[in-house]
């Protein structure tokens, strides 16, 4: 079994969303798709940080695979005027990863809505950085409280 196949399929979904939707909606749909992908891979985060040599190259692979995907979606949405242009792709991916609650899709979806709404805000760039940091912090806090 090729472990990268599901990751490639997740990344490729961005093209389908871009072909079917306006740029902001394509971004929104893909971020939600990515969140569901992460939620389904419950043990992935533990495996990536396990020190097992079998997983050594995956963090870099994920960055190489997903950062360009979200960068294209962000660029298209910003070019359409639908979102601000100063959100860093890695920061957006990290925020999504931090808020995913595998056992609480409603929570994940609510925070994704906040994140996407924050990207739509056109104020100073500090607003986006603070929004992304707060979303990530809430996700980390929630995991620490409920994970014991």
Protein backbone atom coordinates (compact mmCIF):
# COMPACT_ATOMS: atom_id res chain seq x y z
CA UNK A 1 0.00 0.00 0.00
CA UNK A 2 1.33 3.42 -0.93
CA UNK A 3 0.99 5.66 2.14
CA UNK A 4 1.25 8.78 -0.01
CA UNK A 5 -1.76 7.99 -2.21
CA UNK A 6 -4.44 9.40 0.17
CA UNK A 7 -2.32 12.52 0.68
CA UNK A 8 -1.98 13.03 -3.04
CA UNK A 9 -5.73 12.57 -3.49
CA UNK A 10 -6.38 15.19 -0.81
CA UNK A 11 -4.04 17.64 -2.50
CA UNK A 12 -5.51 16.95 -5.95
CA UNK A 13 -9.02 17.68 -4.68
CA UNK A 14 -8.04 21.36 -4.74
CA UNK A 15 -7.99 21.29 -8.54
CA UNK A 16 -11.48 19.86 -8.69
CA UNK A 17 -12.79 22.46 -6.26
CA UNK A 18 -11.06 25.24 -8.23
CA UNK A 19 -12.66 24.04 -11.47
CA UNK A 20 -16.15 23.90 -9.92
CA UNK A 21 -16.26 26.89 -7.57
CA UNK A 22 -15.40 30.54 -7.23
CA UNK A 23 -11.94 30.99 -5.65
CA UNK A 24 -13.04 31.70 -2.06
CA UNK A 25 -15.51 28.82 -2.08
CA UNK A 26 -12.86 26.51 -3.58
CA UNK A 27 -10.49 27.51 -0.75
CA UNK A 28 -13.20 26.98 1.85
CA UNK A 29 -14.20 23.58 0.45
CA UNK A 30 -10.59 22.41 0.29
CA UNK A 31 -9.76 23.56 3.83
CA UNK A 32 -12.79 21.60 5.04
CA UNK A 33 -11.72 18.62 2.93
CA UNK A 34 -8.20 18.86 4.39
CA UNK A 35 -9.63 19.00 7.92
CA UNK A 36 -11.68 15.84 7.29
CA UNK A 37 -8.57 14.18 5.86
CA UNK A 38 -6.60 15.06 9.01
CA UNK A 39 -9.42 13.91 11.29
CA UNK A 40 -9.49 10.54 9.52
CA UNK A 41 -5.74 10.13 10.07
CA UNK A 42 -6.00 10.09 13.87
CA UNK A 43 -2.63 8.47 14.55
CA UNK A 44 -0.70 10.44 11.95
CA UNK A 45 0.47 13.24 14.23
CA UNK A 46 1.75 10.75 16.81
CA UNK A 47 3.47 8.70 14.11
CA UNK A 48 5.14 11.77 12.62
CA UNK A 49 6.63 12.71 15.99
CA UNK A 50 7.44 9.16 17.10
CA UNK A 51 11.07 9.18 15.99
CA UNK A 52 10.40 6.08 13.89
CA UNK A 53 12.65 6.26 10.81
CA UNK A 54 9.80 4.93 8.67
CA UNK A 55 8.04 8.30 9.05
CA UNK A 56 11.14 10.48 8.81
CA UNK A 57 10.43 12.00 5.38
CA UNK A 58 6.69 12.56 5.79
CA UNK A 59 6.70 16.02 7.41
CA UNK A 60 8.77 17.41 4.56
CA UNK A 61 6.64 15.55 2.03
CA UNK A 62 3.45 17.02 3.54
CA UNK A 63 4.88 20.52 3.36
CA UNK A 64 6.05 20.03 -0.22
CA UNK A 65 2.67 18.59 -1.20
CA UNK A 66 0.21 20.79 0.70
CA UNK A 67 1.88 24.23 0.92
CA UNK A 68 1.80 24.79 -2.86
CA UNK A 69 -1.82 23.59 -3.00
CA UNK A 70 -3.03 26.03 -0.38
CA UNK A 71 -0.78 28.76 -1.83
CA UNK A 72 -2.56 28.42 -5.20
CA UNK A 73 -5.97 28.52 -3.54
CA UNK A 74 -5.03 31.53 -1.40
CA UNK A 75 -3.53 33.36 -4.40
CA UNK A 76 -6.64 32.78 -6.52
CA UNK A 77 -8.97 33.86 -3.72
CA UNK A 78 -6.86 36.97 -3.03
CA UNK A 79 -6.72 37.83 -6.75
CA UNK A 80 -10.52 37.66 -6.86
CA UNK A 81 -10.66 40.17 -4.01
CA UNK A 82 -12.43 37.65 -1.80
CA UNK A 83 -9.74 37.36 0.86
CA UNK A 84 -6.74 39.31 2.05
CA UNK A 85 -3.42 38.70 0.32
CA UNK A 86 -1.09 38.39 3.29
CA UNK A 87 -1.96 34.99 4.75
CA UNK A 88 0.97 32.57 4.66
CA UNK A 89 0.04 29.13 3.28
CA UNK A 90 1.96 27.24 5.96
CA UNK A 91 0.24 29.28 8.70
CA UNK A 92 -3.18 28.43 7.28
CA UNK A 93 -2.35 24.72 7.07
CA UNK A 94 -0.96 24.76 10.59
CA UNK A 95 -4.08 26.52 11.91
CA UNK A 96 -6.31 23.89 10.30
CA UNK A 97 -4.19 21.07 11.73
CA UNK A 98 -4.32 22.65 15.18
CA UNK A 99 -8.10 22.98 15.28
CA UNK A 100 -9.07 19.57 13.94
CA UNK A 101 -10.95 17.63 16.61
CA UNK A 102 -11.35 14.08 15.24
CA UNK A 103 -14.24 13.32 17.57
CA UNK A 104 -16.06 16.64 17.20
CA UNK A 105 -16.67 17.65 13.60
CA UNK A 106 -19.07 20.39 14.68
CA UNK A 107 -16.31 22.08 16.67
CA UNK A 108 -13.86 21.73 13.77
CA UNK A 109 -16.37 23.18 11.30
CA UNK A 110 -17.17 26.16 13.56
CA UNK A 111 -13.50 27.03 13.93
CA UNK A 112 -12.90 26.59 10.20
CA UNK A 113 -15.69 29.09 9.60
CA UNK A 114 -13.93 31.54 11.94
CA UNK A 115 -10.64 30.97 10.15
CA UNK A 116 -12.18 31.52 6.71
CA UNK A 117 -14.02 34.61 7.95
CA UNK A 118 -10.68 35.90 9.28
CA UNK A 119 -9.14 35.44 5.84
CA UNK A 120 -11.95 37.52 4.37
CA UNK A 121 -11.16 40.44 6.68
CA UNK A 122 -9.24 43.08 4.80
CA UNK A 123 -7.79 45.08 7.70
CA UNK A 124 -4.11 45.20 8.62
CA UNK A 125 -2.02 42.06 8.32
CA UNK A 126 -1.70 41.91 12.10
CA UNK A 127 -5.38 40.88 12.23
CA UNK A 128 -4.72 37.74 10.19
CA UNK A 129 -1.68 36.76 12.25
CA UNK A 130 -3.61 37.25 15.49
CA UNK A 131 -6.63 35.35 14.13
CA UNK A 132 -4.47 32.42 13.01
CA UNK A 133 -2.61 32.38 16.32
CA UNK A 134 -5.84 32.47 18.30
CA UNK A 135 -7.42 29.66 16.26
CA UNK A 136 -4.27 27.56 16.70
CA UNK A 137 -4.10 28.36 20.42
CA UNK A 138 -7.75 27.41 20.95
CA UNK A 139 -7.15 24.11 19.16
CA UNK A 140 -4.05 23.37 21.27
CA UNK A 141 -5.85 24.39 24.48
CA UNK A 142 -8.84 22.21 23.65
CA UNK A 143 -6.61 19.19 22.98
CA UNK A 144 -4.65 19.69 26.21
CA UNK A 145 -7.81 20.02 28.30
CA UNK A 146 -9.64 17.05 26.79
CA UNK A 147 -6.69 14.78 26.11
CA UNK A 148 -5.71 14.62 29.73
